[in-house]
């Protein structure tokens, strides 16, 4: 009886990682790299041995970092040093 209680949960978890991966792909297409990294990270947590999920997560982390670096450079050029600092901190947080 206990086994039958846990089988549906395993089935739901198997679907969740695919759902998170598809969401990550949608964010990737829209170049929303921080959202893509988050979705891929959830997929990796639920299916840690999947190399495709890991590859997409690493690429999204790298691109999110680069995107925040560009925002930081632009803010620094505009002498908005507080915004530049925040952007650089976010870039560092996404650095794989």
C-alpha atoms as a PDB file:
ATOM      1  CA  UNK A   1       0.000   0.000   0.000  1.00  0.00           C
ATOM      2  CA  UNK A   2       2.831   2.423   0.788  1.00  0.00           C
ATOM      3  CA  UNK A   3       4.385   1.835  -2.607  1.00  0.00           C
ATOM      4  CA  UNK A   4       1.161   2.769  -4.356  1.00  0.00           C
ATOM      5  CA  UNK A   5       1.094   6.068  -2.469  1.00  0.00           C
ATOM      6  CA  UNK A   6       4.529   7.101  -3.747  1.00  0.00           C
ATOM      7  CA  UNK A   7       4.137   6.060  -7.391  1.00  0.00           C
ATOM      8  CA  UNK A   8       1.971   9.061  -8.365  1.00  0.00           C
ATOM      9  CA  UNK A   9       4.472  11.428  -6.760  1.00  0.00           C
ATOM     10  CA  UNK A  10       7.295   9.967  -8.850  1.00  0.00           C
ATOM     11  CA  UNK A  11       5.180  10.417 -11.970  1.00  0.00           C
ATOM     12  CA  UNK A  12       4.535  14.066 -11.143  1.00  0.00           C
ATOM     13  CA  UNK A  13       8.241  14.713 -10.535  1.00  0.00           C
ATOM     14  CA  UNK A  14       9.074  13.195 -13.924  1.00  0.00           C
ATOM     15  CA  UNK A  15       6.728  15.647 -15.610  1.00  0.00           C
ATOM     16  CA  UNK A  16       7.967  18.672 -13.624  1.00  0.00           C
ATOM     17  CA  UNK A  17      11.534  18.536 -14.898  1.00  0.00           C
ATOM     18  CA  UNK A  18      10.249  18.450 -18.478  1.00  0.00           C
ATOM     19  CA  UNK A  19       7.951  21.390 -17.730  1.00  0.00           C
ATOM     20  CA  UNK A  20      10.826  23.396 -16.235  1.00  0.00           C
ATOM     21  CA  UNK A  21      13.065  22.530 -19.177  1.00  0.00           C
ATOM     22  CA  UNK A  22      10.427  23.702 -21.682  1.00  0.00           C
ATOM     23  CA  UNK A  23       9.983  26.936 -19.717  1.00  0.00           C
ATOM     24  CA  UNK A  24      13.743  27.400 -19.778  1.00  0.00           C
ATOM     25  CA  UNK A  25      13.780  26.965 -23.546  1.00  0.00           C
ATOM     26  CA  UNK A  26      11.063  29.597 -23.914  1.00  0.00           C
ATOM     27  CA  UNK A  27      13.047  32.050 -21.776  1.00  0.00           C
ATOM     28  CA  UNK A  28      16.179  31.152 -23.721  1.00  0.00           C
ATOM     29  CA  UNK A  29      14.449  32.019 -27.019  1.00  0.00           C
ATOM     30  CA  UNK A  30      13.371  35.359 -25.547  1.00  0.00           C
ATOM     31  CA  UNK A  31      16.931  35.940 -24.243  1.00  0.00           C
ATOM     32  CA  UNK A  32      15.624  36.204 -20.675  1.00  0.00           C
ATOM     33  CA  UNK A  33      18.754  34.514 -19.390  1.00  0.00           C
ATOM     34  CA  UNK A  34      18.196  34.893 -15.656  1.00  0.00           C
ATOM     35  CA  UNK A  35      14.718  33.346 -15.922  1.00  0.00           C
ATOM     36  CA  UNK A  36      16.087  30.607 -18.195  1.00  0.00           C
ATOM     37  CA  UNK A  37      18.845  29.816 -15.698  1.00  0.00           C
ATOM     38  CA  UNK A  38      16.292  29.505 -12.913  1.00  0.00           C
ATOM     39  CA  UNK A  39      14.027  27.189 -14.926  1.00  0.00           C
ATOM     40  CA  UNK A  40      16.941  25.012 -16.053  1.00  0.00           C
ATOM     41  CA  UNK A  41      18.259  24.853 -12.493  1.00  0.00           C
ATOM     42  CA  UNK A  42      14.896  23.499 -11.340  1.00  0.00           C
ATOM     43  CA  UNK A  43      15.012  20.901 -14.122  1.00  0.00           C
ATOM     44  CA  UNK A  44      18.546  19.901 -13.083  1.00  0.00           C
ATOM     45  CA  UNK A  45      17.518  19.581  -9.442  1.00  0.00           C
ATOM     46  CA  UNK A  46      14.704  17.227 -10.428  1.00  0.00           C
ATOM     47  CA  UNK A  47      16.789  15.290 -12.974  1.00  0.00           C
ATOM     48  CA  UNK A  48      20.460  15.784 -12.005  1.00  0.00           C
ATOM     49  CA  UNK A  49      21.891  13.171 -14.376  1.00  0.00           C
ATOM     50  CA  UNK A  50      20.445  14.734 -17.534  1.00  0.00           C
ATOM     51  CA  UNK A  51      23.401  16.265 -19.442  1.00  0.00           C
ATOM     52  CA  UNK A  52      21.172  18.334 -21.735  1.00  0.00           C
ATOM     53  CA  UNK A  53      19.612  20.098 -18.750  1.00  0.00           C
ATOM     54  CA  UNK A  54      23.042  20.796 -17.277  1.00  0.00           C
ATOM     55  CA  UNK A  55      24.367  22.163 -20.573  1.00  0.00           C
ATOM     56  CA  UNK A  56      21.446  24.540 -20.990  1.00  0.00           C
ATOM     57  CA  UNK A  57      21.726  25.666 -17.371  1.00  0.00           C
ATOM     58  CA  UNK A  58      25.453  26.461 -17.735  1.00  0.00           C
ATOM     59  CA  UNK A  59      24.855  28.375 -20.963  1.00  0.00           C
ATOM     60  CA  UNK A  60      21.997  30.348 -19.409  1.00  0.00           C
ATOM     61  CA  UNK A  61      24.150  31.184 -16.358  1.00  0.00           C
ATOM     62  CA  UNK A  62      26.976  32.399 -18.589  1.00  0.00           C
ATOM     63  CA  UNK A  63      24.657  34.500 -20.759  1.00  0.00           C
ATOM     64  CA  UNK A  64      22.877  35.960 -17.719  1.00  0.00           C
ATOM     65  CA  UNK A  65      26.262  36.974 -16.323  1.00  0.00           C
ATOM     66  CA  UNK A  66      27.258  38.579 -19.627  1.00  0.00           C
ATOM     67  CA  UNK A  67      23.923  40.378 -19.880  1.00  0.00           C
ATOM     68  CA  UNK A  68      24.333  41.880 -16.402  1.00  0.00           C
ATOM     69  CA  UNK A  69      27.928  42.880 -17.200  1.00  0.00           C
ATOM     70  CA  UNK A  70      26.698  44.791 -20.258  1.00  0.00           C
ATOM     71  CA  UNK A  71      24.056  46.535 -18.142  1.00  0.00           C
ATOM     72  CA  UNK A  72      26.745  47.406 -15.603  1.00  0.00           C
ATOM     73  CA  UNK A  73      29.046  48.871 -18.255  1.00  0.00           C
ATOM     74  CA  UNK A  74      26.192  50.942 -19.692  1.00  0.00           C
ATOM     75  CA  UNK A  75      25.241  52.256 -16.251  1.00  0.00           C
ATOM     76  CA  UNK A  76      28.889  53.103 -15.480  1.00  0.00           C
ATOM     77  CA  UNK A  77      29.226  54.985 -18.775  1.00  0.00           C
ATOM     78  CA  UNK A  78      26.146  56.981 -17.790  1.00  0.00           C
ATOM     79  CA  UNK A  79      27.771  57.636 -14.397  1.00  0.00           C
ATOM     80  CA  UNK A  80      25.014  55.775 -12.565  1.00  0.00           C
ATOM     81  CA  UNK A  81      27.438  54.022 -10.269  1.00  0.00           C
ATOM     82  CA  UNK A  82      24.859  52.595  -7.926  1.00  0.00           C
ATOM     83  CA  UNK A  83      23.048  50.816 -10.785  1.00  0.00           C
ATOM     84  CA  UNK A  84      26.415  49.684 -12.169  1.00  0.00           C
ATOM     85  CA  UNK A  85      27.354  48.216  -8.800  1.00  0.00           C
ATOM     86  CA  UNK A  86      24.050  46.329  -8.566  1.00  0.00           C
ATOM     87  CA  UNK A  87      24.418  45.009 -12.123  1.00  0.00           C
ATOM     88  CA  UNK A  88      28.006  43.877 -11.515  1.00  0.00           C
ATOM     89  CA  UNK A  89      26.960  42.104  -8.311  1.00  0.00           C
ATOM     90  CA  UNK A  90      24.238  40.247 -10.222  1.00  0.00           C
ATOM     91  CA  UNK A  91      26.725  39.360 -12.958  1.00  0.00           C
ATOM     92  CA  UNK A  92      29.050  37.915 -10.332  1.00  0.00           C
ATOM     93  CA  UNK A  93      26.178  35.917  -8.806  1.00  0.00           C
ATOM     94  CA  UNK A  94      25.467  34.251 -12.165  1.00  0.00           C
ATOM     95  CA  UNK A  95      29.111  33.579 -12.973  1.00  0.00           C
ATOM     96  CA  UNK A  96      29.371  29.783 -13.287  1.00  0.00           C
END
